[in-house]
Amino acid sequence: METTAVKTLVKSLGISVATVALALMAYGASAQEKAAPAKKPAACKTIKQQSDCEARTDDCSWVGESKDAKGKVKAKAYCRTKPKDTAKKK
């Protein structure tokens, strides 16, 4: 009688452990699906305001407008991407 009770207990524990393991795997998979990738910042050339451009000191720089001798604007001001630092060759 005791061996039947032990076998039943072991079977039910095994089923419970398997159920818990499946539930944990399903939770992990759903957590991975919900994680959104990091949003990339806007490209420097799309920034129109000088203050917004200058706030991104790492990758953007502001180019002021250029005028001719009469004061007429030849080129509007804009934000541009800073050139990447490259290792100098010897």
PDB file of N, CA and C in Angstrom:
ATOM      1  N   MET A   1       0.805  -1.178   0.000  1.00  0.00           N
ATOM      2  CA  MET A   1       0.000   0.000   0.000  1.00  0.00           C
ATOM      3  C   MET A   1       0.856   1.253   0.000  1.00  0.00           C
ATOM      4  N   GLU A   2       1.928   1.207   0.748  1.00  0.00           N
ATOM      5  CA  GLU A   2       2.781   2.370   0.839  1.00  0.00           C
ATOM      6  C   GLU A   2       3.498   2.644  -0.486  1.00  0.00           C
ATOM      7  N   THR A   3       3.879   1.641  -1.216  1.00  0.00           N
ATOM      8  CA  THR A   3       4.594   1.847  -2.471  1.00  0.00           C
ATOM      9  C   THR A   3       3.693   2.504  -3.506  1.00  0.00           C
ATOM     10  N   THR A   4       2.418   2.201  -3.511  1.00  0.00           N
ATOM     11  CA  THR A   4       1.491   2.826  -4.441  1.00  0.00           C
ATOM     12  C   THR A   4       1.337   4.307  -4.111  1.00  0.00           C
ATOM     13  N   ALA A   5       1.266   4.647  -2.850  1.00  0.00           N
ATOM     14  CA  ALA A   5       1.137   6.043  -2.428  1.00  0.00           C
ATOM     15  C   ALA A   5       2.397   6.814  -2.794  1.00  0.00           C
ATOM     16  N   VAL A   6       3.544   6.206  -2.632  1.00  0.00           N
ATOM     17  CA  VAL A   6       4.818   6.860  -2.959  1.00  0.00           C
ATOM     18  C   VAL A   6       4.916   7.071  -4.465  1.00  0.00           C
ATOM     19  N   LYS A   7       4.537   6.065  -5.233  1.00  0.00           N
ATOM     20  CA  LYS A   7       4.582   6.197  -6.694  1.00  0.00           C
ATOM     21  C   LYS A   7       3.652   7.308  -7.165  1.00  0.00           C
ATOM     22  N   THR A   8       2.474   7.383  -6.604  1.00  0.00           N
ATOM     23  CA  THR A   8       1.508   8.418  -6.968  1.00  0.00           C
ATOM     24  C   THR A   8       2.054   9.801  -6.609  1.00  0.00           C
ATOM     25  N   LEU A   9       2.670   9.899  -5.442  1.00  0.00           N
ATOM     26  CA  LEU A   9       3.248  11.165  -5.002  1.00  0.00           C
ATOM     27  C   LEU A   9       4.382  11.593  -5.932  1.00  0.00           C
ATOM     28  N   VAL A  10       5.248  10.687  -6.307  1.00  0.00           N
ATOM     29  CA  VAL A  10       6.369  10.995  -7.203  1.00  0.00           C
ATOM     30  C   VAL A  10       5.849  11.415  -8.576  1.00  0.00           C
ATOM     31  N   LYS A  11       4.850  10.738  -9.090  1.00  0.00           N
ATOM     32  CA  LYS A  11       4.277  11.096 -10.393  1.00  0.00           C
ATOM     33  C   LYS A  11       3.667  12.492 -10.342  1.00  0.00           C
ATOM     34  N   SER A  12       2.916  12.787  -9.297  1.00  0.00           N
ATOM     35  CA  SER A  12       2.261  14.094  -9.211  1.00  0.00           C
ATOM     36  C   SER A  12       3.294  15.200  -9.036  1.00  0.00           C
ATOM     37  N   LEU A  13       4.356  14.930  -8.291  1.00  0.00           N
ATOM     38  CA  LEU A  13       5.423  15.926  -8.157  1.00  0.00           C
ATOM     39  C   LEU A  13       6.143  16.148  -9.489  1.00  0.00           C
ATOM     40  N   GLY A  14       6.355  15.084 -10.210  1.00  0.00           N
ATOM     41  CA  GLY A  14       7.007  15.201 -11.521  1.00  0.00           C
ATOM     42  C   GLY A  14       6.167  16.018 -12.485  1.00  0.00           C
ATOM     43  N   ILE A  15       4.875  15.803 -12.477  1.00  0.00           N
ATOM     44  CA  ILE A  15       3.978  16.568 -13.350  1.00  0.00           C
ATOM     45  C   ILE A  15       3.967  18.026 -12.921  1.00  0.00           C
ATOM     46  N   SER A  16       3.980  18.294 -11.621  1.00  0.00           N
ATOM     47  CA  SER A  16       3.981  19.665 -11.115  1.00  0.00           C
ATOM     48  C   SER A  16       5.269  20.392 -11.510  1.00  0.00           C
ATOM     49  N   VAL A  17       6.386  19.726 -11.398  1.00  0.00           N
ATOM     50  CA  VAL A  17       7.666  20.323 -11.765  1.00  0.00           C
ATOM     51  C   VAL A  17       7.691  20.625 -13.254  1.00  0.00           C
ATOM     52  N   ALA A  18       7.199  19.723 -14.057  1.00  0.00           N
ATOM     53  CA  ALA A  18       7.157  19.952 -15.504  1.00  0.00           C
ATOM     54  C   ALA A  18       6.240  21.125 -15.836  1.00  0.00           C
ATOM     55  N   THR A  19       5.128  21.236 -15.164  1.00  0.00           N
ATOM     56  CA  THR A  19       4.195  22.337 -15.398  1.00  0.00           C
ATOM     57  C   THR A  19       4.834  23.670 -15.025  1.00  0.00           C
ATOM     58  N   VAL A  20       5.521  23.711 -13.898  1.00  0.00           N
ATOM     59  CA  VAL A  20       6.194  24.938 -13.471  1.00  0.00           C
ATOM     60  C   VAL A  20       7.282  25.315 -14.472  1.00  0.00           C
ATOM     61  N   ALA A  21       8.050  24.350 -14.942  1.00  0.00           N
ATOM     62  CA  ALA A  21       9.112  24.623 -15.911  1.00  0.00           C
ATOM     63  C   ALA A  21       8.545  25.193 -17.201  1.00  0.00           C
ATOM     64  N   LEU A  22       7.454  24.624 -17.690  1.00  0.00           N
ATOM     65  CA  LEU A  22       6.823  25.138 -18.904  1.00  0.00           C
ATOM     66  C   LEU A  22       6.290  26.551 -18.698  1.00  0.00           C
ATOM     67  N   ALA A  23       5.719  26.800 -17.540  1.00  0.00           N
ATOM     68  CA  ALA A  23       5.192  28.140 -17.250  1.00  0.00           C
ATOM     69  C   ALA A  23       6.319  29.165 -17.216  1.00  0.00           C
ATOM     70  N   LEU A  24       7.448  28.809 -16.623  1.00  0.00           N
ATOM     71  CA  LEU A  24       8.590  29.730 -16.574  1.00  0.00           C
ATOM     72  C   LEU A  24       9.146  30.007 -17.964  1.00  0.00           C
ATOM     73  N   MET A  25       9.220  28.995 -18.808  1.00  0.00           N
ATOM     74  CA  MET A  25       9.711  29.209 -20.178  1.00  0.00           C
ATOM     75  C   MET A  25       8.760  30.103 -20.960  1.00  0.00           C
ATOM     76  N   ALA A  26       7.472  29.911 -20.779  1.00  0.00           N
ATOM     77  CA  ALA A  26       6.487  30.741 -21.472  1.00  0.00           C
ATOM     78  C   ALA A  26       6.579  32.179 -20.989  1.00  0.00           C
ATOM     79  N   TYR A  27       6.774  32.394 -19.695  1.00  0.00           N
ATOM     80  CA  TYR A  27       6.914  33.741 -19.158  1.00  0.00           C
ATOM     81  C   TYR A  27       8.169  34.410 -19.723  1.00  0.00           C
ATOM     82  N   GLY A  28       9.266  33.684 -19.784  1.00  0.00           N
ATOM     83  CA  GLY A  28      10.510  34.232 -20.337  1.00  0.00           C
ATOM     84  C   GLY A  28      10.357  34.616 -21.793  1.00  0.00           C
ATOM     85  N   ALA A  29       9.674  33.802 -22.562  1.00  0.00           N
ATOM     86  CA  ALA A  29       9.466  34.098 -23.980  1.00  0.00           C
ATOM     87  C   ALA A  29       8.593  35.326 -24.156  1.00  0.00           C
ATOM     88  N   SER A  30       7.557  35.463 -23.337  1.00  0.00           N
ATOM     89  CA  SER A  30       6.689  36.637 -23.463  1.00  0.00           C
ATOM     90  C   SER A  30       7.407  37.896 -23.005  1.00  0.00           C
ATOM     91  N   ALA A  31       8.301  37.790 -22.031  1.00  0.00           N
ATOM     92  CA  ALA A  31       9.054  38.958 -21.573  1.00  0.00           C
ATOM     93  C   ALA A  31      10.010  39.433 -22.663  1.00  0.00           C
ATOM     94  N   GLN A  32      10.577  38.518 -23.407  1.00  0.00           N
ATOM     95  CA  GLN A  32      11.484  38.892 -24.493  1.00  0.00           C
ATOM     96  C   GLN A  32      10.729  39.563 -25.624  1.00  0.00           C
ATOM     97  N   GLU A  33       9.519  39.133 -25.898  1.00  0.00           N
ATOM     98  CA  GLU A  33       8.729  39.726 -26.975  1.00  0.00           C
ATOM     99  C   GLU A  33       8.322  41.158 -26.647  1.00  0.00           C
ATOM    100  N   LYS A  34       8.069  41.441 -25.394  1.00  0.00           N
ATOM    101  CA  LYS A  34       7.611  42.760 -24.996  1.00  0.00           C
ATOM    102  C   LYS A  34       8.732  43.790 -24.961  1.00  0.00           C
ATOM    103  N   ALA A  35       9.977  43.359 -24.824  1.00  0.00           N
ATOM    104  CA  ALA A  35      11.099  44.289 -24.744  1.00  0.00           C
ATOM    105  C   ALA A  35      11.291  44.959 -26.095  1.00  0.00           C
ATOM    106  N   ALA A  36      11.085  46.262 -26.129  1.00  0.00           N
ATOM    107  CA  ALA A  36      11.228  47.013 -27.374  1.00  0.00           C
ATOM    108  C   ALA A  36      12.689  47.417 -27.559  1.00  0.00           C
ATOM    109  N   PRO A  37      13.160  47.422 -28.793  1.00  0.00           N
ATOM    110  CA  PRO A  37      14.535  47.839 -29.028  1.00  0.00           C
ATOM    111  C   PRO A  37      14.693  49.328 -28.724  1.00  0.00           C
ATOM    112  N   ALA A  38      15.891  49.717 -28.365  1.00  0.00           N
ATOM    113  CA  ALA A  38      16.159  51.119 -28.048  1.00  0.00           C
ATOM    114  C   ALA A  38      15.955  51.982 -29.287  1.00  0.00           C
ATOM    115  N   LYS A  39      15.308  53.112 -29.078  1.00  0.00           N
ATOM    116  CA  LYS A  39      15.012  54.003 -30.190  1.00  0.00           C
ATOM    117  C   LYS A  39      16.247  54.834 -30.527  1.00  0.00           C
ATOM    118  N   LYS A  40      16.589  54.867 -31.804  1.00  0.00           N
ATOM    119  CA  LYS A  40      17.746  55.634 -32.244  1.00  0.00           C
ATOM    120  C   LYS A  40      17.407  57.127 -32.203  1.00  0.00           C
ATOM    121  N   PRO A  41      18.378  57.957 -31.832  1.00  0.00           N
ATOM    122  CA  PRO A  41      18.115  59.398 -31.856  1.00  0.00           C
ATOM    123  C   PRO A  41      17.981  59.895 -33.298  1.00  0.00           C
ATOM    124  N   ALA A  42      17.335  61.021 -33.455  1.00  0.00           N
ATOM    125  CA  ALA A  42      17.128  61.597 -34.790  1.00  0.00           C
ATOM    126  C   ALA A  42      18.474  61.934 -35.433  1.00  0.00           C
ATOM    127  N   ALA A  43      18.519  61.808 -36.740  1.00  0.00           N
ATOM    128  CA  ALA A  43      19.735  62.158 -37.461  1.00  0.00           C
ATOM    129  C   ALA A  43      19.987  63.649 -37.305  1.00  0.00           C
ATOM    130  N   CYS A  44      21.243  64.041 -37.232  1.00  0.00           N
ATOM    131  CA  CYS A  44      21.590  65.452 -37.028  1.00  0.00           C
ATOM    132  C   CYS A  44      20.994  66.332 -38.121  1.00  0.00           C
ATOM    133  N   LYS A  45      20.996  65.868 -39.339  1.00  0.00           N
ATOM    134  CA  LYS A  45      20.524  66.706 -40.442  1.00  0.00           C
ATOM    135  C   LYS A  45      19.024  66.988 -40.382  1.00  0.00           C
ATOM    136  N   THR A  46      18.292  66.278 -39.542  1.00  0.00           N
ATOM    137  CA  THR A  46      16.853  66.520 -39.414  1.00  0.00           C
ATOM    138  C   THR A  46      16.526  67.539 -38.335  1.00  0.00           C
ATOM    139  N   ILE A  47      17.513  67.913 -37.535  1.00  0.00           N
ATOM    140  CA  ILE A  47      17.295  68.867 -36.446  1.00  0.00           C
ATOM    141  C   ILE A  47      17.290  70.279 -37.024  1.00  0.00           C
ATOM    142  N   LYS A  48      16.264  71.054 -36.690  1.00  0.00           N
ATOM    143  CA  LYS A  48      16.100  72.399 -37.249  1.00  0.00           C
ATOM    144  C   LYS A  48      16.440  73.515 -36.263  1.00  0.00           C
ATOM    145  N   GLN A  49      16.437  73.237 -34.974  1.00  0.00           N
ATOM    146  CA  GLN A  49      16.677  74.254 -33.962  1.00  0.00           C
ATOM    147  C   GLN A  49      18.134  74.203 -33.491  1.00  0.00           C
ATOM    148  N   GLN A  50      18.754  75.379 -33.361  1.00  0.00           N
ATOM    149  CA  GLN A  50      20.148  75.457 -32.946  1.00  0.00           C
ATOM    150  C   GLN A  50      20.343  74.869 -31.548  1.00  0.00           C
ATOM    151  N   SER A  51      19.442  75.158 -30.634  1.00  0.00           N
ATOM    152  CA  SER A  51      19.578  74.668 -29.257  1.00  0.00           C
ATOM    153  C   SER A  51      19.519  73.138 -29.199  1.00  0.00           C
ATOM    154  N   ASP A  52      18.632  72.536 -30.013  1.00  0.00           N
ATOM    155  CA  ASP A  52      18.535  71.077 -30.048  1.00  0.00           C
ATOM    156  C   ASP A  52      19.807  70.452 -30.600  1.00  0.00           C
ATOM    157  N   CYS A  53      20.374  71.087 -31.599  1.00  0.00           N
ATOM    158  CA  CYS A  53      21.598  70.573 -32.215  1.00  0.00           C
ATOM    159  C   CYS A  53      22.774  70.677 -31.242  1.00  0.00           C
ATOM    160  N   GLU A  54      22.909  71.840 -30.606  1.00  0.00           N
ATOM    161  CA  GLU A  54      24.025  72.054 -29.687  1.00  0.00           C
ATOM    162  C   GLU A  54      23.904  71.212 -28.428  1.00  0.00           C
ATOM    163  N   ALA A  55      22.710  70.739 -28.112  1.00  0.00           N
ATOM    164  CA  ALA A  55      22.519  69.871 -26.946  1.00  0.00           C
ATOM    165  C   ALA A  55      23.168  68.507 -27.173  1.00  0.00           C
ATOM    166  N   ARG A  56      23.304  68.119 -28.419  1.00  0.00           N
ATOM    167  CA  ARG A  56      23.938  66.827 -28.756  1.00  0.00           C
ATOM    168  C   ARG A  56      25.400  67.069 -29.119  1.00  0.00           C
ATOM    169  N   THR A  57      26.199  67.349 -28.118  1.00  0.00           N
ATOM    170  CA  THR A  57      27.601  67.710 -28.337  1.00  0.00           C
ATOM    171  C   THR A  57      28.450  66.542 -28.835  1.00  0.00           C
ATOM    172  N   ASP A  58      28.005  65.324 -28.595  1.00  0.00           N
ATOM    173  CA  ASP A  58      28.801  64.164 -28.988  1.00  0.00           C
ATOM    174  C   ASP A  58      28.816  63.925 -30.487  1.00  0.00           C
ATOM    175  N   ASP A  59      27.692  64.146 -31.152  1.00  0.00           N
ATOM    176  CA  ASP A  59      27.626  63.747 -32.556  1.00  0.00           C
ATOM    177  C   ASP A  59      27.146  64.819 -33.529  1.00  0.00           C
ATOM    178  N   CYS A  60      26.693  65.983 -33.046  1.00  0.00           N
ATOM    179  CA  CYS A  60      26.171  67.017 -33.945  1.00  0.00           C
ATOM    180  C   CYS A  60      26.875  68.350 -33.719  1.00  0.00           C
ATOM    181  N   SER A  61      26.927  69.160 -34.766  1.00  0.00           N
ATOM    182  CA  SER A  61      27.448  70.517 -34.633  1.00  0.00           C
ATOM    183  C   SER A  61      26.594  71.456 -35.477  1.00  0.00           C
ATOM    184  N   TRP A  62      26.475  72.711 -35.036  1.00  0.00           N
ATOM    185  CA  TRP A  62      25.657  73.707 -35.708  1.00  0.00           C
ATOM    186  C   TRP A  62      26.534  74.529 -36.643  1.00  0.00           C
ATOM    187  N   VAL A  63      26.083  74.702 -37.868  1.00  0.00           N
ATOM    188  CA  VAL A  63      26.778  75.521 -38.857  1.00  0.00           C
ATOM    189  C   VAL A  63      25.914  76.750 -39.083  1.00  0.00           C
ATOM    190  N   GLY A  64      26.480  77.934 -38.784  1.00  0.00           N
ATOM    191  CA  GLY A  64      25.718  79.169 -38.921  1.00  0.00           C
ATOM    192  C   GLY A  64      25.513  79.541 -40.379  1.00  0.00           C
ATOM    193  N   GLU A  65      24.552  80.426 -40.611  1.00  0.00           N
ATOM    194  CA  GLU A  65      24.278  80.853 -41.979  1.00  0.00           C
ATOM    195  C   GLU A  65      25.413  81.731 -42.492  1.00  0.00           C
ATOM    196  N   SER A  66      25.604  81.727 -43.797  1.00  0.00           N
ATOM    197  CA  SER A  66      26.636  82.576 -44.396  1.00  0.00           C
ATOM    198  C   SER A  66      25.954  83.646 -45.245  1.00  0.00           C
ATOM    199  N   LYS A  67      26.507  84.870 -45.170  1.00  0.00           N
ATOM    200  CA  LYS A  67      25.935  86.003 -45.898  1.00  0.00           C
ATOM    201  C   LYS A  67      26.989  86.612 -46.812  1.00  0.00           C
ATOM    202  N   ASP A  68      26.518  87.246 -47.875  1.00  0.00           N
ATOM    203  CA  ASP A  68      27.446  87.936 -48.765  1.00  0.00           C
ATOM    204  C   ASP A  68      27.696  89.357 -48.234  1.00  0.00           C
ATOM    205  N   ALA A  69      28.428  90.159 -48.963  1.00  0.00           N
ATOM    206  CA  ALA A  69      28.795  91.506 -48.527  1.00  0.00           C
ATOM    207  C   ALA A  69      27.584  92.401 -48.318  1.00  0.00           C
ATOM    208  N   LYS A  70      26.533  92.166 -49.028  1.00  0.00           N
ATOM    209  CA  LYS A  70      25.318  92.992 -48.920  1.00  0.00           C
ATOM    210  C   LYS A  70      24.408  92.536 -47.779  1.00  0.00           C
ATOM    211  N   GLY A  71      24.718  91.435 -47.147  1.00  0.00           N
ATOM    212  CA  GLY A  71      23.908  90.930 -46.050  1.00  0.00           C
ATOM    213  C   GLY A  71      22.863  89.918 -46.474  1.00  0.00           C
ATOM    214  N   LYS A  72      22.891  89.541 -47.736  1.00  0.00           N
ATOM    215  CA  LYS A  72      21.935  88.551 -48.227  1.00  0.00           C
ATOM    216  C   LYS A  72      22.422  87.150 -47.813  1.00  0.00           C
ATOM    217  N   VAL A  73      21.477  86.336 -47.334  1.00  0.00           N
ATOM    218  CA  VAL A  73      21.824  84.981 -46.887  1.00  0.00           C
ATOM    219  C   VAL A  73      22.147  84.110 -48.099  1.00  0.00           C
ATOM    220  N   LYS A  74      23.380  83.584 -48.127  1.00  0.00           N
ATOM    221  CA  LYS A  74      23.799  82.690 -49.212  1.00  0.00           C
ATOM    222  C   LYS A  74      23.503  81.225 -48.859  1.00  0.00           C
ATOM    223  N   ALA A  75      23.664  80.883 -47.580  1.00  0.00           N
ATOM    224  CA  ALA A  75      23.405  79.512 -47.133  1.00  0.00           C
ATOM    225  C   ALA A  75      22.750  79.568 -45.761  1.00  0.00           C
ATOM    226  N   LYS A  76      21.667  78.852 -45.592  1.00  0.00           N
ATOM    227  CA  LYS A  76      20.957  78.830 -44.312  1.00  0.00           C
ATOM    228  C   LYS A  76      21.759  78.044 -43.281  1.00  0.00           C
ATOM    229  N   ALA A  77      21.486  78.328 -42.003  1.00  0.00           N
ATOM    230  CA  ALA A  77      22.120  77.587 -40.916  1.00  0.00           C
ATOM    231  C   ALA A  77      21.534  76.174 -40.866  1.00  0.00           C
ATOM    232  N   TYR A  78      22.344  75.213 -40.414  1.00  0.00           N
ATOM    233  CA  TYR A  78      21.893  73.824 -40.344  1.00  0.00           C
ATOM    234  C   TYR A  78      22.705  73.048 -39.326  1.00  0.00           C
ATOM    235  N   CYS A  79      22.195  71.904 -38.992  1.00  0.00           N
ATOM    236  CA  CYS A  79      22.870  70.985 -38.074  1.00  0.00           C
ATOM    237  C   CYS A  79      23.487  69.865 -38.899  1.00  0.00           C
ATOM    238  N   ARG A  80      24.699  69.486 -38.530  1.00  0.00           N
ATOM    239  CA  ARG A  80      25.341  68.400 -39.279  1.00  0.00           C
ATOM    240  C   ARG A  80      26.002  67.414 -38.320  1.00  0.00           C
ATOM    241  N   THR A  81      26.286  66.252 -38.849  1.00  0.00           N
ATOM    242  CA  THR A  81      26.949  65.211 -38.078  1.00  0.00           C
ATOM    243  C   THR A  81      28.438  65.511 -38.012  1.00  0.00           C
ATOM    244  N   LYS A  82      29.008  65.385 -36.817  1.00  0.00           N
ATOM    245  CA  LYS A  82      30.444  65.588 -36.656  1.00  0.00           C
ATOM    246  C   LYS A  82      31.177  64.422 -37.320  1.00  0.00           C
ATOM    247  N   PRO A  83      32.331  64.672 -37.913  1.00  0.00           N
ATOM    248  CA  PRO A  83      33.095  63.566 -38.495  1.00  0.00           C
ATOM    249  C   PRO A  83      33.594  62.638 -37.386  1.00  0.00           C
ATOM    250  N   LYS A  84      33.660  61.381 -37.690  1.00  0.00           N
ATOM    251  CA  LYS A  84      34.124  60.395 -36.713  1.00  0.00           C
ATOM    252  C   LYS A  84      35.639  60.479 -36.594  1.00  0.00           C
ATOM    253  N   ASP A  85      36.117  60.327 -35.365  1.00  0.00           N
ATOM    254  CA  ASP A  85      37.561  60.323 -35.127  1.00  0.00           C
ATOM    255  C   ASP A  85      38.141  59.017 -35.650  1.00  0.00           C
ATOM    256  N   THR A  86      39.132  59.131 -36.513  1.00  0.00           N
ATOM    257  CA  THR A  86      39.806  57.932 -37.017  1.00  0.00           C
ATOM    258  C   THR A  86      41.243  57.932 -36.507  1.00  0.00           C
ATOM    259  N   ALA A  87      41.756  56.763 -36.328  1.00  0.00           N
ATOM    260  CA  ALA A  87      43.145  56.650 -35.852  1.00  0.00           C
ATOM    261  C   ALA A  87      44.077  57.109 -36.967  1.00  0.00           C
ATOM    262  N   LYS A  88      45.014  57.977 -36.608  1.00  0.00           N
ATOM    263  CA  LYS A  88      45.959  58.492 -37.602  1.00  0.00           C
ATOM    264  C   LYS A  88      46.993  57.417 -37.920  1.00  0.00           C
ATOM    265  N   LYS A  89      47.287  57.291 -39.185  1.00  0.00           N
ATOM    266  CA  LYS A  89      48.298  56.313 -39.613  1.00  0.00           C
ATOM    267  C   LYS A  89      49.670  56.946 -39.514  1.00  0.00           C
ATOM    268  N   LYS A  90      50.668  56.152 -39.179  1.00  0.00           N
ATOM    269  CA  LYS A  90      52.047  56.660 -39.062  1.00  0.00           C
ATOM    270  C   LYS A  90      52.752  56.605 -40.383  1.00  0.00           C
TER     271      LYS A  90
END
